[in-house]
N, C-alpha and C. Protein backbone atom coordinates (compact mmCIF):
# COMPACT_ATOMS: atom_id res chain seq x y z
N MET A 1 222.45 231.54 0.95
CA MET A 1 222.80 232.76 0.77
C MET A 1 222.41 233.65 1.21
N ASN A 2 223.29 234.57 1.76
CA ASN A 2 222.64 235.79 2.04
C ASN A 2 223.57 237.02 1.43
N ASN A 3 222.30 237.77 0.97
CA ASN A 3 222.66 239.01 0.32
C ASN A 3 223.50 240.47 1.08
N GLN A 4 223.61 241.18 0.98
CA GLN A 4 224.99 242.69 1.58
C GLN A 4 224.48 243.66 0.72
N ILE A 5 224.17 244.72 1.61
CA ILE A 5 224.49 245.41 0.82
C ILE A 5 225.77 246.31 1.23
N LYS A 6 225.73 247.03 0.22
CA LYS A 6 227.24 247.79 0.38
C LYS A 6 227.38 249.05 -0.64
N ASN A 7 227.99 250.16 0.26
CA ASN A 7 228.07 251.31 0.01
C ASN A 7 229.43 251.63 -0.78
N ILE A 8 229.35 252.68 -2.01
CA ILE A 8 230.36 252.56 -2.40
C ILE A 8 230.10 254.52 -2.85
N THR A 9 231.34 255.10 -2.97
CA THR A 9 231.01 256.70 -3.06
C THR A 9 232.49 256.76 -4.86
N TYR A 10 231.72 257.38 -4.89
CA TYR A 10 232.03 258.10 -6.37
C TYR A 10 231.51 259.62 -7.06
N LYS A 11 232.14 259.99 -7.88
CA LYS A 11 232.12 261.46 -8.55
C LYS A 11 230.95 261.71 -9.79
N SER A 12 229.54 262.23 -9.21
CA SER A 12 228.89 262.28 -10.46
C SER A 12 228.43 263.66 -10.79
N SER A 13 227.86 263.84 -11.91
CA SER A 13 227.40 265.31 -12.39
C SER A 13 225.84 265.27 -12.61
N ASN A 14 225.26 266.49 -13.01
CA ASN A 14 224.08 266.47 -13.02
C ASN A 14 223.74 268.01 -13.64
N THR A 15 222.85 268.46 -14.36
CA THR A 15 222.46 269.44 -14.74
C THR A 15 221.80 270.13 -14.02
N TYR A 16 221.86 271.55 -14.22
CA TYR A 16 220.35 272.89 -14.09
C TYR A 16 220.08 273.30 -14.59
N GLU A 17 218.93 274.63 -14.87
CA GLU A 17 218.52 275.22 -15.85
C GLU A 17 218.30 276.41 -15.22
N THR A 18 218.70 277.67 -16.30
CA THR A 18 217.99 278.83 -15.57
C THR A 18 217.46 279.66 -16.53
N LEU A 19 216.49 280.86 -15.95
CA LEU A 19 216.36 281.36 -16.88
C LEU A 19 216.32 282.77 -17.00
N ASN A 20 216.66 283.58 -17.42
CA ASN A 20 217.31 285.01 -17.91
C ASN A 20 218.52 285.37 -16.97
N SER A 21 218.90 286.29 -16.81
CA SER A 21 220.67 286.68 -16.58
C SER A 21 220.71 287.81 -15.22
N LEU A 22 221.16 287.10 -14.30
CA LEU A 22 221.63 287.36 -13.06
C LEU A 22 222.47 288.88 -13.64
N THR A 23 221.54 289.91 -13.18
CA THR A 23 222.69 291.14 -12.95
C THR A 23 222.43 292.02 -12.29
N LYS A 24 222.86 293.05 -11.93
CA LYS A 24 222.50 294.29 -11.06
C LYS A 24 221.37 294.68 -10.88
N ASP A 25 220.54 294.37 -12.41
CA ASP A 25 219.12 294.77 -12.23
C ASP A 25 218.07 293.44 -11.30
N THR A 26 218.89 292.97 -11.00
CA THR A 26 217.80 291.60 -10.61
C THR A 26 217.05 291.98 -9.39
N LYS A 27 216.43 291.62 -9.12
CA LYS A 27 215.40 292.05 -7.81
C LYS A 27 215.36 291.02 -7.09
N ARG A 28 214.48 290.17 -7.86
CA ARG A 28 214.76 288.40 -7.15
C ARG A 28 215.50 287.08 -7.70
N VAL A 29 215.52 286.09 -7.12
CA VAL A 29 216.24 285.03 -7.40
C VAL A 29 215.41 283.71 -6.89
N TRP A 30 214.74 282.81 -7.60
CA TRP A 30 213.90 281.85 -7.75
C TRP A 30 214.95 280.29 -7.23
N ILE A 31 214.61 280.06 -6.72
CA ILE A 31 214.79 278.27 -6.75
C ILE A 31 213.79 277.87 -7.07
N VAL A 32 213.52 277.11 -8.28
CA VAL A 32 212.25 276.32 -8.58
C VAL A 32 212.03 274.89 -8.46
N PHE A 33 211.51 273.56 -7.89
CA PHE A 33 211.89 272.46 -7.67
C PHE A 33 210.67 271.92 -8.19
N HIS A 34 210.92 271.31 -9.33
CA HIS A 34 209.66 271.04 -10.46
C HIS A 34 209.34 269.11 -9.78
N GLY A 35 207.87 269.14 -10.22
CA GLY A 35 207.02 267.95 -9.45
C GLY A 35 207.81 266.48 -10.10
N ILE A 36 207.29 265.51 -9.85
CA ILE A 36 207.35 264.32 -10.59
C ILE A 36 207.35 264.41 -11.74
N GLY A 37 207.56 263.92 -12.47
CA GLY A 37 207.53 263.42 -14.54
C GLY A 37 208.05 264.63 -14.98
N PHE A 38 208.59 265.87 -14.47
CA PHE A 38 208.97 267.33 -15.23
C PHE A 38 210.40 267.24 -15.45
N LEU A 39 211.46 267.82 -16.65
CA LEU A 39 212.49 268.32 -16.53
C LEU A 39 212.46 269.84 -16.37
N SER A 40 213.70 269.78 -15.95
CA SER A 40 213.86 271.63 -15.54
C SER A 40 213.31 272.32 -16.47
N ARG A 41 213.93 271.86 -17.58
CA ARG A 41 213.86 272.90 -18.94
C ARG A 41 212.69 273.08 -19.34
N PHE A 42 211.36 272.11 -19.27
CA PHE A 42 210.02 272.19 -19.27
C PHE A 42 209.57 272.97 -18.13
N PHE A 43 210.28 272.64 -16.72
CA PHE A 43 209.18 273.43 -15.93
C PHE A 43 209.41 274.84 -15.46
N LEU A 44 210.75 275.43 -16.62
CA LEU A 44 210.91 276.88 -16.37
C LEU A 44 209.85 277.64 -17.11
N LYS A 45 208.95 277.14 -18.13
CA LYS A 45 208.15 277.72 -19.20
C LYS A 45 207.30 278.15 -18.03
N TYR A 46 206.91 277.69 -16.62
CA TYR A 46 205.82 278.54 -16.18
C TYR A 46 205.94 279.82 -15.53
N PHE A 47 207.62 280.25 -15.44
CA PHE A 47 208.29 281.58 -14.79
C PHE A 47 208.35 282.25 -16.19
N ASN A 48 208.20 282.23 -17.28
CA ASN A 48 208.43 282.82 -18.34
C ASN A 48 207.53 284.23 -18.66
N GLU A 49 206.73 284.54 -18.28
CA GLU A 49 206.31 285.16 -18.10
C GLU A 49 206.62 286.49 -16.79
N LEU A 50 207.45 285.97 -15.88
CA LEU A 50 207.71 287.31 -15.04
C LEU A 50 208.74 288.33 -15.68
N PRO A 51 208.56 289.26 -15.18
CA PRO A 51 210.04 290.44 -15.71
C PRO A 51 210.88 290.06 -15.65
N GLU A 52 211.18 290.25 -17.15
CA GLU A 52 212.65 289.24 -17.52
C GLU A 52 214.18 290.32 -16.43
N LYS A 53 214.21 290.98 -16.31
CA LYS A 53 215.67 291.79 -15.90
C LYS A 53 215.07 291.92 -14.09
N GLU A 54 214.22 291.78 -13.72
CA GLU A 54 213.96 291.52 -12.53
C GLU A 54 214.01 290.11 -11.80
N ASN A 55 213.79 289.36 -12.28
CA ASN A 55 213.94 288.28 -12.08
C ASN A 55 214.66 287.23 -12.39
N TYR A 56 215.46 286.39 -11.67
CA TYR A 56 216.30 284.99 -12.42
C TYR A 56 215.67 283.70 -11.58
N ILE A 57 215.57 282.95 -12.53
CA ILE A 57 215.12 281.66 -11.97
C ILE A 57 216.31 280.72 -12.29
N ILE A 58 216.33 279.51 -10.92
CA ILE A 58 217.39 278.65 -11.20
C ILE A 58 216.38 277.49 -10.98
N ALA A 59 216.55 276.73 -11.99
CA ALA A 59 215.83 275.26 -11.66
C ALA A 59 216.93 273.77 -11.64
N PRO A 60 216.87 273.19 -10.81
CA PRO A 60 217.64 271.90 -10.29
C PRO A 60 216.64 271.25 -10.87
N GLN A 61 217.57 270.03 -11.37
CA GLN A 61 217.21 268.93 -11.87
C GLN A 61 216.97 267.85 -11.15
N ALA A 62 215.74 267.23 -11.27
CA ALA A 62 215.55 265.30 -10.19
C ALA A 62 216.70 264.73 -11.07
N PRO A 63 217.13 264.10 -10.45
CA PRO A 63 218.58 263.10 -11.17
C PRO A 63 217.56 261.68 -11.17
N SER A 64 216.96 261.13 -11.17
CA SER A 64 216.61 260.01 -11.47
C SER A 64 215.06 260.11 -12.88
N LYS A 65 215.98 259.71 -13.92
CA LYS A 65 214.88 259.99 -14.91
C LYS A 65 214.57 259.00 -15.62
N TYR A 66 213.37 258.90 -16.53
CA TYR A 66 212.66 257.60 -16.90
C TYR A 66 212.05 257.69 -18.03
N TYR A 67 211.30 257.23 -18.81
CA TYR A 67 210.56 257.51 -20.05
C TYR A 67 208.44 257.66 -19.38
N LEU A 68 208.44 258.03 -19.56
CA LEU A 68 207.06 258.14 -19.51
C LEU A 68 206.02 257.72 -20.55
N ASN A 69 205.16 256.98 -18.95
CA ASN A 69 203.95 256.13 -20.19
C ASN A 69 204.13 255.19 -20.42
N GLY A 70 205.79 254.59 -20.36
CA GLY A 70 205.82 253.29 -21.04
C GLY A 70 205.81 253.48 -22.58
N GLU A 71 206.24 255.08 -23.04
CA GLU A 71 206.36 254.82 -24.78
C GLU A 71 207.71 255.21 -24.99
N TYR A 72 208.44 255.21 -24.12
CA TYR A 72 210.05 255.44 -24.72
C TYR A 72 210.34 256.63 -25.61
N LYS A 73 209.30 257.73 -25.16
CA LYS A 73 209.35 259.19 -26.19
C LYS A 73 209.80 260.25 -25.09
N HIS A 74 208.88 260.28 -24.03
CA HIS A 74 208.97 261.71 -23.38
C HIS A 74 209.87 261.09 -22.29
N VAL A 75 210.64 261.79 -21.59
CA VAL A 75 211.63 261.59 -19.97
C VAL A 75 211.04 262.80 -19.31
N GLY A 76 210.57 262.18 -17.83
CA GLY A 76 210.60 262.90 -16.81
C GLY A 76 211.62 262.48 -15.95
N ALA A 77 211.63 262.74 -14.82
CA ALA A 77 212.28 262.55 -13.74
C ALA A 77 211.48 262.80 -12.20
N SER A 78 212.71 261.98 -11.20
CA SER A 78 211.81 262.19 -10.17
C SER A 78 212.91 262.07 -9.17
N TRP A 79 212.61 262.76 -7.79
CA TRP A 79 213.78 263.49 -6.72
C TRP A 79 213.84 261.97 -5.94
N LEU A 80 212.88 261.64 -5.52
CA LEU A 80 213.01 260.56 -4.47
C LEU A 80 212.05 259.75 -4.65
N THR A 81 212.70 258.48 -4.06
CA THR A 81 211.42 257.58 -3.83
C THR A 81 211.71 256.65 -2.36
N LYS A 82 210.68 255.98 -1.65
CA LYS A 82 211.04 255.11 -0.30
C LYS A 82 212.16 254.22 -0.23
N GLU A 83 212.91 254.20 -1.73
CA GLU A 83 214.23 253.10 -1.58
C GLU A 83 215.55 253.92 -1.37
N ASN A 84 216.29 253.65 0.03
CA ASN A 84 217.68 254.01 0.38
C ASN A 84 217.12 255.89 0.32
N THR A 85 215.83 256.38 0.86
CA THR A 85 215.70 257.49 0.88
C THR A 85 216.88 258.69 1.66
N GLU A 86 217.08 258.16 3.04
CA GLU A 86 218.69 258.87 4.00
C GLU A 86 219.26 258.61 2.20
N GLN A 87 219.88 257.76 2.08
CA GLN A 87 220.79 258.31 1.08
C GLN A 87 220.73 259.19 0.10
N GLU A 88 219.75 259.10 -0.16
CA GLU A 88 219.44 259.55 -1.73
C GLU A 88 218.93 261.10 -1.28
N LYS A 89 218.72 261.58 0.03
CA LYS A 89 218.94 262.89 0.29
C LYS A 89 219.92 263.27 0.67
N THR A 90 221.09 262.82 1.12
CA THR A 90 222.41 262.92 0.91
C THR A 90 222.94 263.44 -0.16
N ASN A 91 223.02 263.04 -1.01
CA ASN A 91 223.29 262.72 -2.73
C ASN A 91 222.49 264.25 -3.17
N LEU A 92 221.25 264.65 -2.82
CA LEU A 92 220.63 265.57 -3.64
C LEU A 92 221.27 267.61 -2.77
N PHE A 93 221.47 267.07 -1.57
CA PHE A 93 221.67 267.65 -0.88
C PHE A 93 223.06 268.29 -1.50
N ASN A 94 224.32 267.12 -1.68
CA ASN A 94 225.66 267.86 -2.16
C ASN A 94 225.10 268.27 -3.79
N TYR A 95 224.45 267.87 -4.39
CA TYR A 95 224.17 268.38 -5.72
C TYR A 95 223.53 270.19 -5.93
N LEU A 96 222.45 270.28 -4.88
CA LEU A 96 222.19 271.55 -4.31
C LEU A 96 222.96 272.04 -3.72
N ASP A 97 224.40 272.22 -2.93
CA ASP A 97 225.04 273.20 -2.20
C ASP A 97 226.02 273.04 -3.27
N ALA A 98 225.86 272.36 -4.12
CA ALA A 98 226.51 272.63 -5.49
C ALA A 98 226.36 273.48 -6.79
N VAL A 99 225.07 273.73 -6.54
CA VAL A 99 224.53 274.75 -7.47
C VAL A 99 224.33 275.64 -6.42
N LEU A 100 224.15 276.12 -5.91
CA LEU A 100 224.04 277.42 -5.01
C LEU A 100 225.47 278.11 -5.01
N ALA A 101 226.38 277.23 -4.99
CA ALA A 101 227.89 277.46 -4.65
C ALA A 101 228.44 278.22 -6.48
N ASN A 102 227.73 277.37 -7.37
CA ASN A 102 228.48 277.86 -8.56
C ASN A 102 227.42 279.12 -8.62
N GLU A 103 226.12 279.61 -8.32
CA GLU A 103 225.43 280.82 -8.45
C GLU A 103 226.11 282.07 -7.97
N ASP A 104 226.33 282.10 -6.76
CA ASP A 104 227.15 282.58 -5.85
C ASP A 104 225.59 283.57 -5.77
N ILE A 105 224.68 283.62 -5.15
CA ILE A 105 223.73 284.45 -5.32
C ILE A 105 223.82 285.54 -4.26
N PRO A 106 223.87 286.79 -4.68
CA PRO A 106 223.55 288.08 -4.04
C PRO A 106 222.77 288.32 -3.05
N LYS A 107 223.55 288.66 -2.05
CA LYS A 107 222.33 288.94 -0.80
C LYS A 107 221.41 290.07 -0.82
N SER A 108 221.65 290.36 -1.85
CA SER A 108 220.54 292.28 -2.21
C SER A 108 219.62 291.49 -2.65
N CYS A 109 219.21 290.39 -3.39
CA CYS A 109 218.27 290.00 -3.70
C CYS A 109 217.39 289.04 -3.00
N GLU A 110 215.95 289.64 -3.46
CA GLU A 110 214.63 288.23 -2.80
C GLU A 110 215.25 287.20 -3.09
N LEU A 111 215.81 286.23 -1.78
CA LEU A 111 215.51 284.88 -2.23
C LEU A 111 213.84 284.20 -2.42
N ILE A 112 213.26 283.05 -3.41
CA ILE A 112 211.84 283.00 -3.45
C ILE A 112 212.35 281.40 -3.64
N MET A 113 211.99 280.36 -2.37
CA MET A 113 212.25 278.86 -2.45
C MET A 113 210.78 278.48 -3.14
N PHE A 114 210.92 278.05 -4.28
CA PHE A 114 209.13 277.09 -4.74
C PHE A 114 209.42 276.24 -5.14
N GLY A 115 208.18 275.39 -4.78
CA GLY A 115 208.35 273.83 -4.63
C GLY A 115 206.98 273.67 -5.37
N PHE A 116 206.23 272.69 -6.03
CA PHE A 116 205.75 272.13 -6.75
C PHE A 116 205.27 270.38 -6.82
N SER A 117 204.38 270.21 -6.27
CA SER A 117 203.98 268.92 -6.18
C SER A 117 205.33 268.12 -5.47
N GLN A 118 205.99 267.08 -5.73
CA GLN A 118 207.05 266.71 -4.86
C GLN A 118 208.19 267.47 -4.79
N GLY A 119 208.55 268.38 -5.40
CA GLY A 119 209.56 269.36 -5.72
C GLY A 119 208.87 270.09 -3.72
N VAL A 120 207.87 270.17 -3.53
CA VAL A 120 207.48 271.22 -2.26
C VAL A 120 208.86 269.78 -1.31
N SER A 121 208.38 268.87 -1.14
CA SER A 121 208.99 268.23 -0.20
C SER A 121 210.60 268.51 -0.07
N ILE A 122 211.49 268.56 -1.43
CA ILE A 122 212.52 268.50 -1.66
C ILE A 122 212.86 270.40 -1.27
N ALA A 123 212.54 271.46 -1.28
CA ALA A 123 212.37 272.63 -1.12
C ALA A 123 212.41 272.59 0.68
N MET A 124 211.43 272.05 1.29
CA MET A 124 211.23 271.84 3.03
C MET A 124 212.43 271.31 3.54
N ARG A 125 212.78 270.18 2.86
CA ARG A 125 214.05 269.14 3.19
C ARG A 125 215.40 270.01 2.66
N TYR A 126 215.49 270.51 1.68
CA TYR A 126 216.65 271.06 1.56
C TYR A 126 217.30 272.44 2.52
N LEU A 127 215.93 273.11 2.83
CA LEU A 127 216.11 274.29 3.97
C LEU A 127 216.75 273.60 4.98
N THR A 128 216.04 272.61 5.54
CA THR A 128 216.16 271.82 7.13
C THR A 128 217.99 271.53 7.06
N HIS A 129 218.52 271.07 5.96
CA HIS A 129 219.79 271.18 5.44
C HIS A 129 220.83 272.02 5.23
N SER A 130 220.05 273.33 4.94
CA SER A 130 220.77 273.98 4.79
C SER A 130 220.76 275.21 4.77
N LYS A 131 219.54 275.36 6.34
CA LYS A 131 219.57 276.98 6.38
C LYS A 131 219.41 278.25 6.18
N LEU A 132 219.49 277.67 4.76
CA LEU A 132 219.33 278.77 3.60
C LEU A 132 217.91 280.49 4.15
N GLN A 133 218.46 281.38 4.08
CA GLN A 133 217.41 282.33 4.64
C GLN A 133 216.83 282.16 3.24
N CYS A 134 214.99 283.02 3.09
CA CYS A 134 214.67 282.90 1.95
C CYS A 134 213.69 284.15 2.18
N ASN A 135 213.12 284.75 1.47
CA ASN A 135 212.12 285.93 2.10
C ASN A 135 210.90 285.35 1.90
N LYS A 136 210.36 284.35 0.55
CA LYS A 136 209.27 283.59 0.21
C LYS A 136 209.47 281.92 0.30
N LEU A 137 208.93 281.08 0.92
CA LEU A 137 208.36 280.09 0.66
C LEU A 137 207.13 279.25 0.26
N VAL A 138 207.48 278.90 -1.01
CA VAL A 138 205.83 278.91 -1.98
C VAL A 138 205.50 277.03 -1.53
N LEU A 139 204.80 276.44 -1.21
CA LEU A 139 204.38 275.15 -1.39
C LEU A 139 203.40 274.92 -1.98
N TYR A 140 203.62 274.49 -3.15
CA TYR A 140 202.77 274.67 -4.56
C TYR A 140 201.87 273.31 -4.59
N ALA A 141 200.99 272.57 -4.13
CA ALA A 141 199.92 271.33 -4.31
C ALA A 141 200.95 270.41 -3.80
N GLY A 142 201.67 269.58 -2.68
CA GLY A 142 202.90 269.17 -2.31
C GLY A 142 203.03 268.80 -1.18
N GLY A 143 202.91 267.68 -0.87
CA GLY A 143 202.88 266.84 0.74
C GLY A 143 204.15 267.37 1.73
N ILE A 144 204.02 267.42 2.69
CA ILE A 144 205.07 268.15 3.92
C ILE A 144 205.30 267.28 4.61
N PRO A 145 206.61 266.85 4.13
CA PRO A 145 207.30 265.03 4.85
C PRO A 145 207.20 265.45 5.62
N THR A 146 207.03 263.87 7.10
CA THR A 146 206.43 263.79 8.02
C THR A 146 207.36 263.63 9.13
N GLU A 147 208.33 264.22 8.83
CA GLU A 147 209.87 263.93 10.02
C GLU A 147 209.89 265.31 10.28
N LEU A 148 209.15 266.31 9.27
CA LEU A 148 209.95 267.58 9.58
C LEU A 148 209.56 268.48 11.07
N THR A 149 210.20 268.73 11.72
CA THR A 149 208.76 269.50 13.15
C THR A 149 209.02 271.23 13.14
N LYS A 150 208.65 272.02 13.95
CA LYS A 150 208.42 273.38 14.03
C LYS A 150 209.94 273.93 14.31
N ASN A 151 210.86 273.19 15.09
CA ASN A 151 212.27 273.60 15.14
C ASN A 151 213.09 273.62 13.97
N ASP A 152 212.86 272.82 12.78
CA ASP A 152 213.66 273.13 11.95
C ASP A 152 213.42 274.13 11.06
N PHE A 153 212.45 274.77 10.94
CA PHE A 153 211.96 276.44 10.33
C PHE A 153 212.02 277.86 11.04
N ASP A 154 212.71 277.37 12.29
CA ASP A 154 212.76 278.63 13.51
C ASP A 154 213.44 279.69 13.49
N TYR A 155 214.81 279.58 11.97
CA TYR A 155 215.74 280.50 11.80
C TYR A 155 215.03 281.38 10.84
N LEU A 156 213.59 280.65 10.28
CA LEU A 156 212.96 281.42 8.98
C LEU A 156 211.91 282.67 9.66
N ASN A 157 212.30 283.44 10.34
CA ASN A 157 211.83 284.39 11.12
C ASN A 157 210.91 285.08 10.32
N ASP A 158 210.91 285.78 9.29
CA ASP A 158 211.07 286.66 8.08
C ASP A 158 210.36 286.18 7.18
N THR A 159 210.41 285.23 6.86
CA THR A 159 209.97 284.05 5.81
C THR A 159 208.61 284.33 5.57
N GLU A 160 207.99 284.81 4.51
CA GLU A 160 206.44 284.37 4.02
C GLU A 160 206.13 283.12 3.41
N ILE A 161 205.33 282.25 4.18
CA ILE A 161 205.08 281.13 4.08
C ILE A 161 203.63 280.91 3.37
N ILE A 162 203.45 280.69 2.28
CA ILE A 162 202.27 280.63 0.85
C ILE A 162 202.19 279.07 0.56
N SER A 163 200.98 278.74 1.07
CA SER A 163 200.03 277.57 0.52
C SER A 163 199.79 277.81 -0.58
N ILE A 164 199.35 277.16 -1.91
CA ILE A 164 198.73 277.28 -3.21
C ILE A 164 198.31 275.68 -3.31
N LEU A 165 196.64 276.05 -3.79
CA LEU A 165 195.99 274.45 -3.71
C LEU A 165 194.77 274.36 -4.56
N GLY A 166 194.72 273.32 -6.16
CA GLY A 166 193.69 273.79 -6.45
C GLY A 166 192.42 273.04 -5.96
N ASN A 167 191.42 273.57 -6.28
CA ASN A 167 190.11 272.83 -5.06
C ASN A 167 190.04 271.85 -5.79
N SER A 168 190.17 271.18 -6.38
CA SER A 168 189.72 269.64 -7.47
C SER A 168 190.93 269.19 -8.00
N ASP A 169 191.86 269.29 -7.28
CA ASP A 169 193.31 268.34 -7.15
C ASP A 169 193.03 266.83 -6.76
N GLU A 170 193.39 266.38 -7.87
CA GLU A 170 193.09 264.89 -7.87
C GLU A 170 193.93 264.15 -7.04
N TYR A 171 194.90 264.46 -6.25
CA TYR A 171 196.02 264.22 -5.15
C TYR A 171 195.33 264.02 -3.95
N LEU A 172 194.77 265.00 -3.94
CA LEU A 172 194.02 265.61 -2.53
C LEU A 172 192.48 265.61 -1.80
N THR A 173 192.35 264.36 -1.18
CA THR A 173 191.30 263.69 -1.01
C THR A 173 190.87 264.89 0.61
N PRO A 174 189.61 265.00 0.98
CA PRO A 174 189.60 266.16 1.96
C PRO A 174 190.40 265.48 2.93
N GLU A 175 190.36 264.22 3.26
CA GLU A 175 191.50 264.05 4.03
C GLU A 175 192.95 264.08 4.23
N ARG A 176 193.09 264.34 3.33
CA ARG A 176 194.28 264.66 3.16
C ARG A 176 194.92 266.25 3.07
N LEU A 177 193.66 266.70 2.71
CA LEU A 177 193.47 268.28 2.63
C LEU A 177 193.84 268.78 4.17
N ILE A 178 193.37 268.09 5.21
CA ILE A 178 192.84 267.96 6.50
C ILE A 178 194.47 267.98 7.37
N GLU A 179 194.84 267.02 6.37
CA GLU A 179 196.31 266.06 7.62
C GLU A 179 197.42 267.44 7.05
N GLU A 180 197.35 268.03 5.68
CA GLU A 180 198.49 268.50 5.00
C GLU A 180 198.68 270.05 5.72
N LYS A 181 197.14 270.54 5.93
CA LYS A 181 196.68 271.78 7.14
C LYS A 181 197.53 271.93 8.20
N ASN A 182 196.81 271.12 8.78
CA ASN A 182 197.22 270.66 10.06
C ASN A 182 199.13 270.53 10.63
N LYS A 183 199.95 269.67 9.31
CA LYS A 183 201.26 269.66 9.20
C LYS A 183 201.52 271.30 9.01
N LEU A 184 201.11 271.90 8.29
CA LEU A 184 201.25 273.62 8.25
C LEU A 184 201.02 273.80 9.46
N VAL A 185 200.16 274.10 10.33
CA VAL A 185 199.82 275.18 11.15
C VAL A 185 200.96 274.63 12.30
N LYS A 186 201.39 273.21 11.96
CA LYS A 186 202.49 273.07 13.51
C LYS A 186 203.75 273.47 12.98
N LEU A 187 204.26 273.67 11.94
CA LEU A 187 205.38 274.18 11.39
C LEU A 187 205.52 275.43 11.38
N PHE A 188 204.07 276.19 11.17
CA PHE A 188 203.87 277.38 10.91
C PHE A 188 203.36 278.59 11.99
N GLY A 189 202.38 277.52 12.41
CA GLY A 189 201.39 278.37 12.83
C GLY A 189 200.47 279.51 11.73
N ASP A 190 200.07 280.62 12.42
CA ASP A 190 199.18 281.48 11.47
C ASP A 190 200.68 281.87 10.56
N ASN A 191 201.18 281.57 10.56
CA ASN A 191 202.23 282.80 9.49
C ASN A 191 202.05 281.65 8.12
N VAL A 192 201.33 281.96 7.59
CA VAL A 192 200.75 280.57 6.74
C VAL A 192 199.93 281.77 5.52
N ARG A 193 200.19 282.03 4.33
CA ARG A 193 198.78 283.05 3.64
C ARG A 193 198.65 281.85 2.13
N TYR A 194 197.01 281.60 2.11
CA TYR A 194 196.34 280.61 1.61
C TYR A 194 196.16 281.05 0.46
N ILE A 195 196.83 280.41 -0.18
CA ILE A 195 196.02 280.26 -2.25
C ILE A 195 195.17 279.24 -2.58
N ASN A 196 193.91 279.68 -2.92
CA ASN A 196 193.72 278.61 -3.67
C ASN A 196 192.29 278.75 -5.08
N PHE A 197 192.66 277.97 -5.66
CA PHE A 197 192.05 278.66 -6.90
C PHE A 197 191.13 277.41 -7.37
N ASN A 198 190.42 277.29 -8.79
CA ASN A 198 189.77 276.64 -9.19
C ASN A 198 190.55 275.77 -10.43
N GLY A 199 190.62 274.43 -9.79
CA GLY A 199 191.95 273.58 -10.90
C GLY A 199 192.02 271.98 -10.12
N GLY A 200 192.92 271.54 -11.04
CA GLY A 200 193.30 270.49 -10.01
C GLY A 200 194.59 270.45 -9.95
N HIS A 201 195.44 269.24 -10.02
CA HIS A 201 197.25 269.32 -9.92
C HIS A 201 197.68 269.79 -11.08
N GLU A 202 198.36 271.00 -11.19
CA GLU A 202 198.29 272.01 -12.23
C GLU A 202 198.75 273.05 -11.91
N VAL A 203 199.77 273.95 -12.57
CA VAL A 203 200.51 275.32 -12.23
C VAL A 203 199.94 276.13 -12.96
N LYS A 204 199.24 276.62 -12.55
CA LYS A 204 199.09 278.19 -12.91
C LYS A 204 200.19 279.48 -13.04
N LYS A 205 200.29 279.90 -14.21
CA LYS A 205 200.80 281.10 -14.53
C LYS A 205 200.64 282.34 -13.52
N GLU A 206 199.36 282.59 -13.78
CA GLU A 206 198.59 284.04 -13.16
C GLU A 206 199.20 283.95 -11.72
N ILE A 207 199.34 282.59 -11.25
CA ILE A 207 199.42 282.61 -9.51
C ILE A 207 200.84 282.94 -9.32
N ILE A 208 201.67 282.50 -10.22
CA ILE A 208 203.11 282.80 -10.14
C ILE A 208 203.63 284.62 -10.48
N ASN A 209 202.87 284.77 -11.49
CA ASN A 209 203.09 285.98 -11.36
C ASN A 209 202.44 287.13 -10.46
N ASN A 210 201.38 286.79 -9.58
CA ASN A 210 201.03 287.38 -8.65
C ASN A 210 201.37 287.68 -7.78
N LEU A 211 202.62 286.63 -7.36
CA LEU A 211 203.31 286.13 -6.09
C LEU A 211 204.47 287.42 -5.74
N VAL A 212 204.62 288.29 -7.19
CA VAL A 212 205.50 289.41 -6.87
C VAL A 212 205.04 290.73 -6.97
N LYS A 213 203.64 290.47 -7.35
CA LYS A 213 203.14 292.22 -7.55
C LYS A 213 202.54 292.71 -6.16
């Protein structure tokens, strides 16, 4: 018996959540990608201390949902796995294209791409797909996909690249820290601002708030 893998195409839908309102007073639009185990609505709480009138936050939702801790109570989600990665990336890009088309972000607004943990790889991969111009790219405690090259980001000439890490992040061994730093230098050279804080694999509201001061 020989197994065969077959593909089909079908329509699907997914949610995303926003915080605050997009108005003439909006100065900044954030597109924020949560980490594994989050839902978008809970991830938005880390951005609720930003000035409401000036900041509009868009939180896409990772499509693969599952019960956390095997208790069938709390639900989390994941963006990608090593299974059918290329196909799943295409599905994700189509979803994110639809989110941006639905929001129609004014060009007058500063655009901030923000990824936490697994969301870092999604933010970076989506930029290589969309060639979306952004003012800031915030890479918070996540790994950089190995397939990305400097040429993928050559179009981001005026983008501020910000790397944020906790000094006791349980997922970053000394060897991994060196590896990720080398990836950053390879992609962006000296055009990276490094922010380190006392803490582990966690999101700090005060750091997010300071990004726009």
